[in-house]
Amino acid sequence: MSKVCEICGKGPVMGRKYNKLMSKYNPTPKVSKKPNLQWATLASGERVKVCTRCKKTLLKKNKGK
């Protein structure tokens, strides 16, 4: 299962967990932040995984037609 948007290419990004007492002696763990991917059907009938921002844009483009 792909974790990348097929339209814009948005993928997972490494981040950090918030910790009030962060220092070199008390490091914080790294966290992988993943995009909100959902299945969407394109105008051609093809089903692809897209992020919610692209899905919203597709709905706006199709609404105008």
N, C-alpha and C. Protein backbone atom coordinates (compact mmCIF):
# COMPACT_ATOMS: atom_id res chain seq x y z
N MET A 1 0.84 -1.18 0.00
CA MET A 1 0.00 0.00 0.00
C MET A 1 0.89 1.24 0.00
N SER A 2 0.70 2.08 -0.98
CA SER A 2 1.51 3.28 -1.11
C SER A 2 1.07 4.34 -0.10
N LYS A 3 2.02 5.09 0.44
CA LYS A 3 1.72 6.16 1.38
C LYS A 3 2.02 7.51 0.75
N VAL A 4 1.87 7.59 -0.59
CA VAL A 4 2.16 8.82 -1.32
C VAL A 4 0.96 9.18 -2.18
N CYS A 5 0.60 10.45 -2.21
CA CYS A 5 -0.50 10.93 -3.05
C CYS A 5 -0.09 10.80 -4.51
N GLU A 6 -0.97 10.25 -5.34
CA GLU A 6 -0.64 10.01 -6.74
C GLU A 6 -0.71 11.27 -7.59
N ILE A 7 -1.33 12.34 -7.08
CA ILE A 7 -1.47 13.57 -7.84
C ILE A 7 -0.35 14.56 -7.49
N CYS A 8 -0.21 14.90 -6.21
CA CYS A 8 0.76 15.93 -5.82
C CYS A 8 2.08 15.34 -5.31
N GLY A 9 2.11 14.06 -4.95
CA GLY A 9 3.35 13.44 -4.48
C GLY A 9 3.63 13.64 -3.00
N LYS A 10 2.63 14.12 -2.26
CA LYS A 10 2.81 14.33 -0.81
C LYS A 10 3.00 12.97 -0.14
N GLY A 11 4.01 12.86 0.73
CA GLY A 11 4.31 11.60 1.39
C GLY A 11 4.59 11.80 2.86
N PRO A 12 5.04 10.74 3.54
CA PRO A 12 5.32 10.85 4.97
C PRO A 12 6.50 11.80 5.26
N VAL A 13 6.42 12.48 6.41
CA VAL A 13 7.45 13.43 6.84
C VAL A 13 7.83 13.09 8.27
N MET A 14 9.13 13.18 8.58
CA MET A 14 9.58 12.92 9.93
C MET A 14 9.41 14.17 10.78
N GLY A 15 8.88 13.99 11.98
CA GLY A 15 8.70 15.09 12.91
C GLY A 15 9.19 14.67 14.28
N ARG A 16 8.95 15.50 15.28
CA ARG A 16 9.36 15.19 16.65
C ARG A 16 8.16 15.27 17.57
N LYS A 17 8.17 14.45 18.62
CA LYS A 17 7.15 14.54 19.64
C LYS A 17 7.47 15.72 20.54
N TYR A 18 6.45 16.46 20.94
CA TYR A 18 6.67 17.63 21.80
C TYR A 18 7.01 17.18 23.21
N ASN A 19 8.05 17.78 23.78
CA ASN A 19 8.47 17.47 25.14
C ASN A 19 8.95 18.77 25.78
N LYS A 20 8.38 19.12 26.93
CA LYS A 20 8.77 20.38 27.59
C LYS A 20 10.22 20.39 28.03
N LEU A 21 10.71 19.26 28.51
CA LEU A 21 12.08 19.20 29.03
C LEU A 21 13.00 18.53 28.02
N MET A 22 13.17 19.19 26.86
CA MET A 22 14.01 18.61 25.82
C MET A 22 15.44 19.11 25.98
N SER A 23 16.38 18.20 26.02
CA SER A 23 17.80 18.55 26.07
C SER A 23 18.57 17.42 25.43
N LYS A 24 19.89 17.54 25.40
CA LYS A 24 20.66 16.46 24.80
C LYS A 24 20.68 15.22 25.69
N TYR A 25 20.35 15.39 26.96
CA TYR A 25 20.30 14.25 27.88
C TYR A 25 18.91 13.61 27.92
N ASN A 26 17.90 14.33 27.41
CA ASN A 26 16.54 13.81 27.39
C ASN A 26 15.97 13.99 25.97
N PRO A 27 16.47 13.20 25.01
CA PRO A 27 16.03 13.40 23.62
C PRO A 27 14.58 12.96 23.43
N THR A 28 13.93 13.56 22.43
CA THR A 28 12.55 13.20 22.13
C THR A 28 12.53 12.23 20.96
N PRO A 29 11.56 11.32 20.94
CA PRO A 29 11.49 10.36 19.84
C PRO A 29 11.00 11.01 18.56
N LYS A 30 11.43 10.44 17.44
CA LYS A 30 10.98 10.92 16.14
C LYS A 30 9.66 10.24 15.80
N VAL A 31 8.79 10.98 15.10
CA VAL A 31 7.48 10.48 14.73
C VAL A 31 7.30 10.67 13.23
N SER A 32 6.77 9.65 12.55
CA SER A 32 6.48 9.77 11.13
C SER A 32 5.06 10.27 10.95
N LYS A 33 4.90 11.44 10.32
CA LYS A 33 3.58 12.02 10.09
C LYS A 33 3.17 11.68 8.66
N LYS A 34 2.03 11.00 8.52
CA LYS A 34 1.58 10.53 7.22
C LYS A 34 0.43 11.39 6.71
N PRO A 35 0.32 11.56 5.38
CA PRO A 35 -0.79 12.33 4.83
C PRO A 35 -2.10 11.57 4.93
N ASN A 36 -3.21 12.30 4.91
CA ASN A 36 -4.53 11.71 4.96
C ASN A 36 -4.92 11.27 3.56
N LEU A 37 -4.63 10.00 3.23
CA LEU A 37 -4.90 9.48 1.89
C LEU A 37 -6.24 8.77 1.84
N GLN A 38 -6.97 8.99 0.76
CA GLN A 38 -8.26 8.34 0.55
C GLN A 38 -8.38 7.95 -0.91
N TRP A 39 -9.23 6.94 -1.15
CA TRP A 39 -9.47 6.50 -2.52
C TRP A 39 -10.37 7.52 -3.21
N ALA A 40 -10.06 7.84 -4.46
CA ALA A 40 -10.88 8.74 -5.26
C ALA A 40 -10.94 8.21 -6.69
N THR A 41 -12.07 8.44 -7.34
CA THR A 41 -12.24 8.02 -8.72
C THR A 41 -12.03 9.23 -9.63
N LEU A 42 -11.13 9.09 -10.58
CA LEU A 42 -10.86 10.17 -11.53
C LEU A 42 -11.92 10.19 -12.62
N ALA A 43 -11.90 11.22 -13.46
CA ALA A 43 -12.87 11.34 -14.56
C ALA A 43 -12.73 10.19 -15.55
N SER A 44 -11.52 9.62 -15.65
CA SER A 44 -11.29 8.51 -16.57
C SER A 44 -11.81 7.18 -16.02
N GLY A 45 -12.27 7.18 -14.74
CA GLY A 45 -12.79 5.95 -14.14
C GLY A 45 -11.75 5.20 -13.33
N GLU A 46 -10.54 5.72 -13.30
CA GLU A 46 -9.44 5.07 -12.57
C GLU A 46 -9.51 5.44 -11.09
N ARG A 47 -9.32 4.45 -10.20
CA ARG A 47 -9.30 4.70 -8.76
C ARG A 47 -7.86 4.87 -8.30
N VAL A 48 -7.58 5.97 -7.61
CA VAL A 48 -6.23 6.25 -7.13
C VAL A 48 -6.31 6.75 -5.69
N LYS A 49 -5.17 6.66 -4.99
CA LYS A 49 -5.08 7.19 -3.63
C LYS A 49 -4.60 8.63 -3.71
N VAL A 50 -5.41 9.55 -3.15
CA VAL A 50 -5.07 10.97 -3.18
C VAL A 50 -5.21 11.54 -1.78
N CYS A 51 -4.49 12.63 -1.50
CA CYS A 51 -4.63 13.30 -0.21
C CYS A 51 -5.93 14.10 -0.23
N THR A 52 -6.41 14.49 0.94
CA THR A 52 -7.70 15.16 1.03
C THR A 52 -7.69 16.52 0.35
N ARG A 53 -6.55 17.20 0.32
CA ARG A 53 -6.47 18.49 -0.36
C ARG A 53 -6.69 18.32 -1.87
N CYS A 54 -6.09 17.29 -2.45
CA CYS A 54 -6.28 17.02 -3.88
C CYS A 54 -7.70 16.56 -4.15
N LYS A 55 -8.26 15.78 -3.24
CA LYS A 55 -9.63 15.30 -3.40
C LYS A 55 -10.61 16.48 -3.41
N LYS A 56 -10.37 17.44 -2.54
CA LYS A 56 -11.21 18.64 -2.47
C LYS A 56 -11.10 19.44 -3.76
N THR A 57 -9.88 19.55 -4.30
CA THR A 57 -9.66 20.27 -5.55
C THR A 57 -10.36 19.57 -6.71
N LEU A 58 -10.31 18.24 -6.75
CA LEU A 58 -10.97 17.48 -7.80
C LEU A 58 -12.48 17.70 -7.75
N LEU A 59 -13.04 17.74 -6.54
CA LEU A 59 -14.49 17.96 -6.40
C LEU A 59 -14.87 19.34 -6.93
N LYS A 60 -14.03 20.35 -6.66
CA LYS A 60 -14.31 21.70 -7.14
C LYS A 60 -14.26 21.77 -8.67
N LYS A 61 -13.27 21.07 -9.28
CA LYS A 61 -13.13 21.08 -10.75
C LYS A 61 -14.31 20.38 -11.40
N ASN A 62 -14.76 19.25 -10.82
CA ASN A 62 -15.87 18.50 -11.39
C ASN A 62 -17.20 19.22 -11.21
N LYS A 63 -17.32 20.03 -10.14
CA LYS A 63 -18.55 20.74 -9.87
C LYS A 63 -18.82 21.82 -10.91
N GLY A 64 -17.76 22.43 -11.41
CA GLY A 64 -17.90 23.49 -12.39
C GLY A 64 -18.34 23.00 -13.77
N LYS A 65 -18.17 21.73 -14.07
CA LYS A 65 -18.51 21.19 -15.38
C LYS A 65 -19.97 20.90 -15.51
